[in-house]
Amino acid sequence: MSARLGAVHRYPLKSARGERLDEASVEPWGLAGDRRWMVVDPDGLALTAREVHPLLLLDPEITAAGLRVQAPGAEPLDVAAPDPGRQVPVRLWRSELTAAHAEEADAWLGEVLGRPARLVHLDDPTRRPVSAEYAAPDDRVSFADGYPLLVTTTASLEALNDVVLERSEGAHEPLPMTRFRPNVVVDGVSAWAEDDWRRVRIGGVDFRAVKGCARCVITTLDPGTAEGGKEPIASLARIRRWDGATWFGTNLVPDLPDGRPVTIREGDAVEVLEAVEPGAGPIRPVR
């Protein structure tokens, strides 16, 4: 079986539910519409599902006007893309930048999340550079944690689920890929092959593999209920632990020679253009 693009996922609102797409446009900072909206506290600090679990239950949809968000027990929120002139300072990890404030969403968010919150829109993603440790000076990213796209593979999830089922003696349900929130999922490769990739072509787009993805508490939250557990971190700690962290997936940066978006589609061929010898584990910081 040749390597193919098995699934494409987009997350319009950071930390909220994603959507599976038949195709998506790859822009320099990620998939079109991916994580361009974010929830922040009144001081502009990013709120994520790590600390605000109900964010996982929000169901966003990109509309012609802006964004529609649904939440359990609440009327849907329809919000227009805010005026780019209404900029407020925001902070996401080590990134400090500005984003447009959609003030009309604040009361709704405060009610469904149970805490003061603001909705912001990254009208210009060129404002946020990728970490210089792993990327080129002109690389940019949306409100994703750190990199434009995340790739995972079906075989790696199957290998992980084998360990989960073994540890639980068959009592634990297999984990869905939605736990890991990838943008692209590759079929037809061996488990953990993505660790070794350095350059890969998906459809008509070349990507640099720049860093493995160290996994956090979000993966232990059931995406359907936001309730927590021990998996997959407990099993990853047995088979995927390096440098005090657990790893699943690889971060990608697209190389678009003229900066113009290129569409990728489910079923597209995946070609590994450059790889290292297996066995070293994920790409991770040099210590």
C-alpha atoms as a PDB file:
ATOM      1  CA  MET A   1       0.000   0.000   0.000  1.00  0.00           C
ATOM      2  CA  SER A   2       1.405   3.385  -0.992  1.00  0.00           C
ATOM      3  CA  ALA A   3       1.336   6.313   1.408  1.00  0.00           C
ATOM      4  CA  ARG A   4      -1.792   8.439   1.076  1.00  0.00           C
ATOM      5  CA  LEU A   5      -3.410  11.348   2.809  1.00  0.00           C
ATOM      6  CA  GLY A   6      -6.071   9.612   4.878  1.00  0.00           C
ATOM      7  CA  ALA A   7      -7.754  12.589   6.528  1.00  0.00           C
ATOM      8  CA  VAL A   8      -7.656  16.389   6.707  1.00  0.00           C
ATOM      9  CA  HIS A   9      -8.768  18.280   9.816  1.00  0.00           C
ATOM     10  CA  ARG A  10      -9.266  21.966  10.523  1.00  0.00           C
ATOM     11  CA  TYR A  11      -9.877  23.682  13.883  1.00  0.00           C
ATOM     12  CA  PRO A  12     -11.495  27.096  13.306  1.00  0.00           C
ATOM     13  CA  LEU A  13     -11.381  28.020  17.031  1.00  0.00           C
ATOM     14  CA  LYS A  14      -8.316  27.102  19.066  1.00  0.00           C
ATOM     15  CA  SER A  15      -9.003  24.265  21.578  1.00  0.00           C
ATOM     16  CA  ALA A  16     -12.558  23.737  20.291  1.00  0.00           C
ATOM     17  CA  ARG A  17     -13.818  20.842  18.167  1.00  0.00           C
ATOM     18  CA  GLY A  18     -12.449  20.378  14.696  1.00  0.00           C
ATOM     19  CA  GLU A  19     -13.992  19.441  11.395  1.00  0.00           C
ATOM     20  CA  ARG A  20     -12.949  16.831   8.863  1.00  0.00           C
ATOM     21  CA  LEU A  21     -12.615  18.128   5.326  1.00  0.00           C
ATOM     22  CA  ASP A  22     -12.386  16.460   1.934  1.00  0.00           C
ATOM     23  CA  GLU A  23      -9.844  19.084   0.907  1.00  0.00           C
ATOM     24  CA  ALA A  24      -8.168  22.158   2.300  1.00  0.00           C
ATOM     25  CA  SER A  25      -6.047  25.013   1.067  1.00  0.00           C
ATOM     26  CA  VAL A  26      -2.517  25.112   2.492  1.00  0.00           C
ATOM     27  CA  GLU A  27      -1.352  28.640   3.289  1.00  0.00           C
ATOM     28  CA  PRO A  28       2.122  29.599   4.557  1.00  0.00           C
ATOM     29  CA  TRP A  29       0.826  29.652   8.181  1.00  0.00           C
ATOM     30  CA  GLY A  30      -1.324  26.492   7.995  1.00  0.00           C
ATOM     31  CA  LEU A  31      -4.598  25.272   6.538  1.00  0.00           C
ATOM     32  CA  ALA A  32      -6.957  28.036   5.452  1.00  0.00           C
ATOM     33  CA  GLY A  33      -9.207  28.895   8.390  1.00  0.00           C
ATOM     34  CA  ASP A  34      -7.273  26.807  10.891  1.00  0.00           C
ATOM     35  CA  ARG A  35      -7.015  28.340  14.380  1.00  0.00           C
ATOM     36  CA  ARG A  36      -7.581  31.906  13.257  1.00  0.00           C
ATOM     37  CA  TRP A  37      -9.937  32.447  16.219  1.00  0.00           C
ATOM     38  CA  MET A  38      -8.943  32.140  19.877  1.00  0.00           C
ATOM     39  CA  VAL A  39     -10.422  32.678  23.332  1.00  0.00           C
ATOM     40  CA  VAL A  40      -8.414  34.845  25.739  1.00  0.00           C
ATOM     41  CA  ASP A  41      -8.906  36.130  29.263  1.00  0.00           C
ATOM     42  CA  PRO A  42      -9.550  39.861  29.915  1.00  0.00           C
ATOM     43  CA  ASP A  43      -5.787  40.445  30.006  1.00  0.00           C
ATOM     44  CA  GLY A  44      -5.304  38.858  26.572  1.00  0.00           C
ATOM     45  CA  LEU A  45      -3.741  35.595  27.776  1.00  0.00           C
ATOM     46  CA  ALA A  46      -4.768  32.606  25.646  1.00  0.00           C
ATOM     47  CA  LEU A  47      -7.255  30.212  27.227  1.00  0.00           C
ATOM     48  CA  THR A  48      -6.941  26.599  26.088  1.00  0.00           C
ATOM     49  CA  ALA A  49      -8.590  23.319  26.980  1.00  0.00           C
ATOM     50  CA  ARG A  50      -5.603  22.495  29.172  1.00  0.00           C
ATOM     51  CA  GLU A  51      -7.108  24.656  31.891  1.00  0.00           C
ATOM     52  CA  VAL A  52     -10.624  25.385  30.531  1.00  0.00           C
ATOM     53  CA  HIS A  53     -11.955  21.939  29.651  1.00  0.00           C
ATOM     54  CA  PRO A  54     -15.385  23.122  28.352  1.00  0.00           C
ATOM     55  CA  LEU A  55     -13.624  24.656  25.343  1.00  0.00           C
ATOM     56  CA  LEU A  56     -13.426  21.117  23.940  1.00  0.00           C
ATOM     57  CA  LEU A  57     -17.226  21.004  23.745  1.00  0.00           C
ATOM     58  CA  LEU A  58     -17.579  24.121  21.615  1.00  0.00           C
ATOM     59  CA  ASP A  59     -18.456  23.321  18.011  1.00  0.00           C
ATOM     60  CA  PRO A  60     -17.273  26.081  15.640  1.00  0.00           C
ATOM     61  CA  GLU A  61     -18.056  26.581  11.976  1.00  0.00           C
ATOM     62  CA  ILE A  62     -16.597  29.122   9.591  1.00  0.00           C
ATOM     63  CA  THR A  63     -19.335  31.149   7.897  1.00  0.00           C
ATOM     64  CA  ALA A  64     -19.384  33.705   5.100  1.00  0.00           C
ATOM     65  CA  ALA A  65     -19.591  36.477   7.707  1.00  0.00           C
ATOM     66  CA  GLY A  66     -17.230  35.083  10.321  1.00  0.00           C
ATOM     67  CA  LEU A  67     -17.831  32.302  12.845  1.00  0.00           C
ATOM     68  CA  ARG A  68     -20.737  30.324  14.284  1.00  0.00           C
ATOM     69  CA  VAL A  69     -20.183  28.501  17.578  1.00  0.00           C
ATOM     70  CA  GLN A  70     -22.500  26.035  19.275  1.00  0.00           C
ATOM     71  CA  ALA A  71     -22.277  24.859  22.890  1.00  0.00           C
ATOM     72  CA  PRO A  72     -24.314  22.387  24.948  1.00  0.00           C
ATOM     73  CA  GLY A  73     -27.360  24.048  26.486  1.00  0.00           C
ATOM     74  CA  ALA A  74     -26.811  27.429  24.839  1.00  0.00           C
ATOM     75  CA  GLU A  75     -28.169  29.287  21.856  1.00  0.00           C
ATOM     76  CA  PRO A  76     -25.674  29.331  18.971  1.00  0.00           C
ATOM     77  CA  LEU A  77     -23.368  32.303  18.680  1.00  0.00           C
ATOM     78  CA  ASP A  78     -23.003  34.007  15.301  1.00  0.00           C
ATOM     79  CA  VAL A  79     -20.226  36.559  15.149  1.00  0.00           C
ATOM     80  CA  ALA A  80     -18.855  38.559  12.252  1.00  0.00           C
ATOM     81  CA  ALA A  81     -15.144  38.858  11.633  1.00  0.00           C
ATOM     82  CA  PRO A  82     -14.252  41.956  13.670  1.00  0.00           C
ATOM     83  CA  ASP A  83     -12.910  45.187  12.271  1.00  0.00           C
ATOM     84  CA  PRO A  84      -9.113  44.777  11.956  1.00  0.00           C
ATOM     85  CA  GLY A  85      -8.843  48.249  13.445  1.00  0.00           C
ATOM     86  CA  ARG A  86     -10.081  46.925  16.790  1.00  0.00           C
ATOM     87  CA  GLN A  87      -6.776  45.357  17.824  1.00  0.00           C
ATOM     88  CA  VAL A  88      -6.022  44.186  21.351  1.00  0.00           C
ATOM     89  CA  PRO A  89      -2.793  42.688  22.715  1.00  0.00           C
ATOM     90  CA  VAL A  90      -2.805  38.896  23.123  1.00  0.00           C
ATOM     91  CA  ARG A  91      -0.284  36.376  24.365  1.00  0.00           C
ATOM     92  CA  LEU A  92       0.012  32.732  23.325  1.00  0.00           C
ATOM     93  CA  TRP A  93       2.929  30.951  24.972  1.00  0.00           C
ATOM     94  CA  ARG A  94       5.968  33.094  24.132  1.00  0.00           C
ATOM     95  CA  SER A  95       4.227  34.946  21.306  1.00  0.00           C
ATOM     96  CA  GLU A  96       3.036  38.486  21.989  1.00  0.00           C
ATOM     97  CA  LEU A  97       1.042  40.095  19.193  1.00  0.00           C
ATOM     98  CA  THR A  98      -2.296  41.732  18.510  1.00  0.00           C
ATOM     99  CA  ALA A  99      -5.611  40.389  17.218  1.00  0.00           C
ATOM    100  CA  ALA A 100      -9.012  41.850  16.411  1.00  0.00           C
ATOM    101  CA  HIS A 101     -11.493  41.728  19.304  1.00  0.00           C
ATOM    102  CA  ALA A 102     -15.013  40.408  18.605  1.00  0.00           C
ATOM    103  CA  GLU A 103     -16.628  42.105  21.605  1.00  0.00           C
ATOM    104  CA  GLU A 104     -20.146  40.852  20.885  1.00  0.00           C
ATOM    105  CA  ALA A 105     -19.046  37.298  21.751  1.00  0.00           C
ATOM    106  CA  ASP A 106     -17.667  38.031  25.211  1.00  0.00           C
ATOM    107  CA  ALA A 107     -20.887  37.688  27.230  1.00  0.00           C
ATOM    108  CA  TRP A 108     -21.819  34.415  25.495  1.00  0.00           C
ATOM    109  CA  LEU A 109     -18.373  32.952  26.088  1.00  0.00           C
ATOM    110  CA  GLY A 110     -18.384  34.037  29.716  1.00  0.00           C
ATOM    111  CA  GLU A 111     -21.666  32.232  30.268  1.00  0.00           C
ATOM    112  CA  VAL A 112     -20.788  28.948  28.561  1.00  0.00           C
ATOM    113  CA  LEU A 113     -17.245  28.783  29.970  1.00  0.00           C
ATOM    114  CA  GLY A 114     -18.110  30.030  33.445  1.00  0.00           C
ATOM    115  CA  ARG A 115     -15.396  32.684  33.483  1.00  0.00           C
ATOM    116  CA  PRO A 116     -14.632  36.046  31.852  1.00  0.00           C
ATOM    117  CA  ALA A 117     -13.439  35.533  28.293  1.00  0.00           C
ATOM    118  CA  ARG A 118     -12.920  37.362  25.029  1.00  0.00           C
ATOM    119  CA  LEU A 119     -13.003  36.161  21.427  1.00  0.00           C
ATOM    120  CA  VAL A 120     -10.248  37.387  19.127  1.00  0.00           C
ATOM    121  CA  HIS A 121      -9.517  36.899  15.437  1.00  0.00           C
ATOM    122  CA  LEU A 122      -6.089  36.794  13.821  1.00  0.00           C
ATOM    123  CA  ASP A 123      -6.875  38.928  10.803  1.00  0.00           C
ATOM    124  CA  ASP A 124      -3.204  38.985   9.722  1.00  0.00           C
ATOM    125  CA  PRO A 125      -1.288  35.758  10.464  1.00  0.00           C
ATOM    126  CA  THR A 126       1.977  37.282   9.277  1.00  0.00           C
ATOM    127  CA  ARG A 127       2.160  38.864  12.751  1.00  0.00           C
ATOM    128  CA  ARG A 128       3.176  35.638  14.457  1.00  0.00           C
ATOM    129  CA  PRO A 129       6.548  34.051  13.638  1.00  0.00           C
ATOM    130  CA  VAL A 130       7.368  30.409  14.235  1.00  0.00           C
ATOM    131  CA  SER A 131       9.971  29.656  16.894  1.00  0.00           C
ATOM    132  CA  ALA A 132      13.381  30.479  15.430  1.00  0.00           C
ATOM    133  CA  GLU A 133      14.819  27.336  17.059  1.00  0.00           C
ATOM    134  CA  TYR A 134      13.095  25.114  14.526  1.00  0.00           C
ATOM    135  CA  ALA A 135      12.076  27.241  11.559  1.00  0.00           C
ATOM    136  CA  ALA A 136      13.212  29.848   9.074  1.00  0.00           C
ATOM    137  CA  PRO A 137      13.049  33.577   9.910  1.00  0.00           C
ATOM    138  CA  ASP A 138      10.118  34.202   7.555  1.00  0.00           C
ATOM    139  CA  ASP A 139       7.979  31.232   8.683  1.00  0.00           C
ATOM    140  CA  ARG A 140       4.642  32.235  10.189  1.00  0.00           C
ATOM    141  CA  VAL A 141       1.889  30.462  12.119  1.00  0.00           C
ATOM    142  CA  SER A 142      -1.727  31.111  13.116  1.00  0.00           C
ATOM    143  CA  PHE A 143      -2.981  30.499  16.681  1.00  0.00           C
ATOM    144  CA  ALA A 144      -1.789  26.881  16.563  1.00  0.00           C
ATOM    145  CA  ASP A 145       0.432  26.063  19.526  1.00  0.00           C
ATOM    146  CA  GLY A 146       3.633  26.528  17.620  1.00  0.00           C
ATOM    147  CA  TYR A 147       3.697  25.285  14.007  1.00  0.00           C
ATOM    148  CA  PRO A 148       1.494  25.517  10.909  1.00  0.00           C
ATOM    149  CA  LEU A 149       0.444  21.840  10.675  1.00  0.00           C
ATOM    150  CA  LEU A 150       0.597  18.616  12.666  1.00  0.00           C
ATOM    151  CA  VAL A 151       0.902  15.249  10.908  1.00  0.00           C
ATOM    152  CA  THR A 152       0.074  11.891  12.487  1.00  0.00           C
ATOM    153  CA  THR A 153      -0.185   8.421  10.995  1.00  0.00           C
ATOM    154  CA  THR A 154      -2.827   5.731  11.230  1.00  0.00           C
ATOM    155  CA  ALA A 155      -0.208   3.077  11.973  1.00  0.00           C
ATOM    156  CA  SER A 156       1.164   5.019  14.955  1.00  0.00           C
ATOM    157  CA  LEU A 157      -2.301   5.312  16.473  1.00  0.00           C
ATOM    158  CA  GLU A 158      -2.850   1.588  15.974  1.00  0.00           C
ATOM    159  CA  ALA A 159       0.483   0.841  17.681  1.00  0.00           C
ATOM    160  CA  LEU A 160      -0.420   3.093  20.591  1.00  0.00           C
ATOM    161  CA  ASN A 161      -3.871   1.539  20.933  1.00  0.00           C
ATOM    162  CA  ASP A 162      -2.277  -1.908  21.110  1.00  0.00           C
ATOM    163  CA  VAL A 163      -0.442  -0.738  24.233  1.00  0.00           C
ATOM    164  CA  VAL A 164      -3.536   0.956  25.677  1.00  0.00           C
ATOM    165  CA  LEU A 165      -5.559  -2.252  25.277  1.00  0.00           C
ATOM    166  CA  GLU A 166      -2.747  -4.379  26.692  1.00  0.00           C
ATOM    167  CA  ARG A 167      -2.366  -2.161  29.747  1.00  0.00           C
ATOM    168  CA  SER A 168      -6.106  -2.170  30.405  1.00  0.00           C
ATOM    169  CA  GLU A 169      -6.490  -5.874  29.566  1.00  0.00           C
ATOM    170  CA  GLY A 170      -9.008  -4.910  26.913  1.00  0.00           C
ATOM    171  CA  ALA A 171     -11.117  -2.715  29.187  1.00  0.00           C
ATOM    172  CA  HIS A 172     -10.190   0.609  27.561  1.00  0.00           C
ATOM    173  CA  GLU A 173     -11.838   1.642  24.301  1.00  0.00           C
ATOM    174  CA  PRO A 174      -9.394   2.354  21.449  1.00  0.00           C
ATOM    175  CA  LEU A 175      -8.477   6.019  21.345  1.00  0.00           C
ATOM    176  CA  PRO A 176      -9.696   8.033  18.352  1.00  0.00           C
ATOM    177  CA  MET A 177      -7.341  10.223  16.362  1.00  0.00           C
ATOM    178  CA  THR A 178      -9.355  13.254  17.487  1.00  0.00           C
ATOM    179  CA  ARG A 179      -7.525  13.030  20.831  1.00  0.00           C
ATOM    180  CA  PHE A 180      -4.398  14.297  19.077  1.00  0.00           C
ATOM    181  CA  ARG A 181      -5.921  17.088  16.972  1.00  0.00           C
ATOM    182  CA  PRO A 182      -3.846  16.575  13.790  1.00  0.00           C
ATOM    183  CA  ASN A 183      -4.286  18.532  10.585  1.00  0.00           C
ATOM    184  CA  VAL A 184      -3.234  15.703   8.286  1.00  0.00           C
ATOM    185  CA  VAL A 185      -3.285  11.944   8.845  1.00  0.00           C
ATOM    186  CA  VAL A 186      -1.212   9.659   6.636  1.00  0.00           C
ATOM    187  CA  ASP A 187      -2.151   6.069   5.763  1.00  0.00           C
ATOM    188  CA  GLY A 188       0.111   3.384   4.321  1.00  0.00           C
ATOM    189  CA  VAL A 189       3.305   3.908   6.338  1.00  0.00           C
ATOM    190  CA  SER A 190       4.774   2.016   9.284  1.00  0.00           C
ATOM    191  CA  ALA A 191       4.223   3.054  12.878  1.00  0.00           C
ATOM    192  CA  TRP A 192       6.358   6.024  13.986  1.00  0.00           C
ATOM    193  CA  ALA A 193       7.735   6.581  10.472  1.00  0.00           C
ATOM    194  CA  GLU A 194       6.893  10.266  10.907  1.00  0.00           C
ATOM    195  CA  ASP A 195       9.706  10.544  13.483  1.00  0.00           C
ATOM    196  CA  ASP A 196      12.243  10.138  10.706  1.00  0.00           C
ATOM    197  CA  TRP A 197      10.792  12.465   8.090  1.00  0.00           C
ATOM    198  CA  ARG A 198      12.614  15.680   7.327  1.00  0.00           C
ATOM    199  CA  ARG A 199      10.922  16.672   4.074  1.00  0.00           C
ATOM    200  CA  VAL A 200       7.646  15.266   2.806  1.00  0.00           C
ATOM    201  CA  ARG A 201       5.370  16.034  -0.139  1.00  0.00           C
ATOM    202  CA  ILE A 202       1.593  15.805   0.280  1.00  0.00           C
ATOM    203  CA  GLY A 203      -0.245  16.273  -2.980  1.00  0.00           C
ATOM    204  CA  GLY A 204       1.423  19.296  -4.526  1.00  0.00           C
ATOM    205  CA  VAL A 205       2.878  20.776  -1.336  1.00  0.00           C
ATOM    206  CA  ASP A 206       6.337  20.241   0.139  1.00  0.00           C
ATOM    207  CA  PHE A 207       6.679  20.404   3.923  1.00  0.00           C
ATOM    208  CA  ARG A 208       9.604  20.560   6.311  1.00  0.00           C
ATOM    209  CA  ALA A 209       9.306  18.324   9.361  1.00  0.00           C
ATOM    210  CA  VAL A 210      10.710  20.574  12.095  1.00  0.00           C
ATOM    211  CA  LYS A 211       9.839  19.132  15.509  1.00  0.00           C
ATOM    212  CA  GLY A 212       8.094  16.228  17.175  1.00  0.00           C
ATOM    213  CA  CYS A 213       4.951  17.022  19.146  1.00  0.00           C
ATOM    214  CA  ALA A 214       5.253  16.628  22.924  1.00  0.00           C
ATOM    215  CA  ARG A 215       1.817  15.767  24.233  1.00  0.00           C
ATOM    216  CA  CYS A 216      -0.057  17.456  27.062  1.00  0.00           C
ATOM    217  CA  VAL A 217      -3.112  16.915  29.254  1.00  0.00           C
ATOM    218  CA  ILE A 218      -5.532  17.754  26.419  1.00  0.00           C
ATOM    219  CA  THR A 219      -4.974  14.274  24.982  1.00  0.00           C
ATOM    220  CA  THR A 220      -6.293  12.755  28.240  1.00  0.00           C
ATOM    221  CA  LEU A 221      -9.633  14.566  27.866  1.00  0.00           C
ATOM    222  CA  ASP A 222     -12.446  12.745  26.103  1.00  0.00           C
ATOM    223  CA  PRO A 223     -13.298  15.025  23.145  1.00  0.00           C
ATOM    224  CA  GLY A 224     -16.967  14.077  23.456  1.00  0.00           C
ATOM    225  CA  THR A 225     -17.367  14.833  27.159  1.00  0.00           C
ATOM    226  CA  ALA A 226     -14.229  16.766  28.229  1.00  0.00           C
ATOM    227  CA  GLU A 227     -13.810  14.286  31.080  1.00  0.00           C
ATOM    228  CA  GLY A 228     -10.252  13.336  31.974  1.00  0.00           C
ATOM    229  CA  GLY A 229      -8.398  10.039  32.309  1.00  0.00           C
ATOM    230  CA  LYS A 230      -4.879   8.624  32.241  1.00  0.00           C
ATOM    231  CA  GLU A 231      -4.656   7.648  28.584  1.00  0.00           C
ATOM    232  CA  PRO A 232      -2.893   8.121  26.255  1.00  0.00           C
ATOM    233  CA  ILE A 233      -0.158   9.698  28.404  1.00  0.00           C
ATOM    234  CA  ALA A 234       0.200   6.587  30.564  1.00  0.00           C
ATOM    235  CA  SER A 235       0.828   4.355  27.556  1.00  0.00           C
ATOM    236  CA  LEU A 236       2.936   6.905  25.696  1.00  0.00           C
ATOM    237  CA  ALA A 237       5.159   7.109  28.773  1.00  0.00           C
ATOM    238  CA  ARG A 238       5.966   3.424  28.291  1.00  0.00           C
ATOM    239  CA  ILE A 239       6.849   3.538  24.613  1.00  0.00           C
ATOM    240  CA  ARG A 240       7.325   7.191  23.582  1.00  0.00           C
ATOM    241  CA  ARG A 241       9.195   8.943  26.380  1.00  0.00           C
ATOM    242  CA  TRP A 242      12.245  11.084  25.656  1.00  0.00           C
ATOM    243  CA  ASP A 243      13.678  14.046  27.549  1.00  0.00           C
ATOM    244  CA  GLY A 244      10.978  13.912  30.198  1.00  0.00           C
ATOM    245  CA  ALA A 245       8.101  14.253  27.701  1.00  0.00           C
ATOM    246  CA  THR A 246       5.796  11.960  25.718  1.00  0.00           C
ATOM    247  CA  TRP A 247       5.543  12.346  21.939  1.00  0.00           C
ATOM    248  CA  PHE A 248       2.975  11.701  19.221  1.00  0.00           C
ATOM    249  CA  GLY A 249       2.980  13.331  15.770  1.00  0.00           C
ATOM    250  CA  THR A 250       5.309  15.697  13.946  1.00  0.00           C
ATOM    251  CA  ASN A 251       5.024  19.414  13.276  1.00  0.00           C
ATOM    252  CA  LEU A 252       5.252  20.591   9.666  1.00  0.00           C
ATOM    253  CA  VAL A 253       6.024  23.894   7.957  1.00  0.00           C
ATOM    254  CA  PRO A 254       4.839  24.258   4.332  1.00  0.00           C
ATOM    255  CA  ASP A 255       7.203  25.471   1.634  1.00  0.00           C
ATOM    256  CA  LEU A 256       5.164  27.458  -0.867  1.00  0.00           C
ATOM    257  CA  PRO A 257       7.676  29.022  -3.276  1.00  0.00           C
ATOM    258  CA  ASP A 258       5.497  31.968  -4.277  1.00  0.00           C
ATOM    259  CA  GLY A 259       3.395  32.056  -1.102  1.00  0.00           C
ATOM    260  CA  ARG A 260       0.224  31.130  -2.961  1.00  0.00           C
ATOM    261  CA  PRO A 261      -2.140  28.604  -1.338  1.00  0.00           C
ATOM    262  CA  VAL A 262      -2.199  25.066  -2.742  1.00  0.00           C
ATOM    263  CA  THR A 263      -5.059  22.625  -2.197  1.00  0.00           C
ATOM    264  CA  ILE A 264      -4.508  19.163  -0.729  1.00  0.00           C
ATOM    265  CA  ARG A 265      -7.172  16.463  -0.848  1.00  0.00           C
ATOM    266  CA  GLU A 266      -7.949  13.261   0.975  1.00  0.00           C
ATOM    267  CA  GLY A 267      -6.390  10.457  -1.062  1.00  0.00           C
ATOM    268  CA  ASP A 268      -3.456  12.547  -2.279  1.00  0.00           C
ATOM    269  CA  ALA A 269      -0.143  10.740  -2.583  1.00  0.00           C
ATOM    270  CA  VAL A 270       2.379  11.249   0.205  1.00  0.00           C
ATOM    271  CA  GLU A 271       6.056  11.078  -0.738  1.00  0.00           C
ATOM    272  CA  VAL A 272       8.929  11.189   1.730  1.00  0.00           C
ATOM    273  CA  LEU A 273      11.581  13.385   0.112  1.00  0.00           C
ATOM    274  CA  GLU A 274      14.147  13.237   2.902  1.00  0.00           C
ATOM    275  CA  ALA A 275      14.426  11.073   6.010  1.00  0.00           C
ATOM    276  CA  VAL A 276      16.963   9.986   8.612  1.00  0.00           C
ATOM    277  CA  GLU A 277      17.733   6.492   9.833  1.00  0.00           C
ATOM    278  CA  PRO A 278      15.025   5.150  12.169  1.00  0.00           C
ATOM    279  CA  GLY A 279      15.617   4.748  15.868  1.00  0.00           C
ATOM    280  CA  ALA A 280      16.382   8.225  17.186  1.00  0.00           C
ATOM    281  CA  GLY A 281      12.787   9.027  18.063  1.00  0.00           C
ATOM    282  CA  PRO A 282      10.994  12.297  17.325  1.00  0.00           C
ATOM    283  CA  ILE A 283      12.730  15.516  16.347  1.00  0.00           C
ATOM    284  CA  ARG A 284      13.275  17.285  19.659  1.00  0.00           C
ATOM    285  CA  PRO A 285      15.311  20.049  21.232  1.00  0.00           C
ATOM    286  CA  VAL A 286      19.064  19.641  21.348  1.00  0.00           C
ATOM    287  CA  ARG A 287      20.186  19.497  24.965  1.00  0.00           C
END
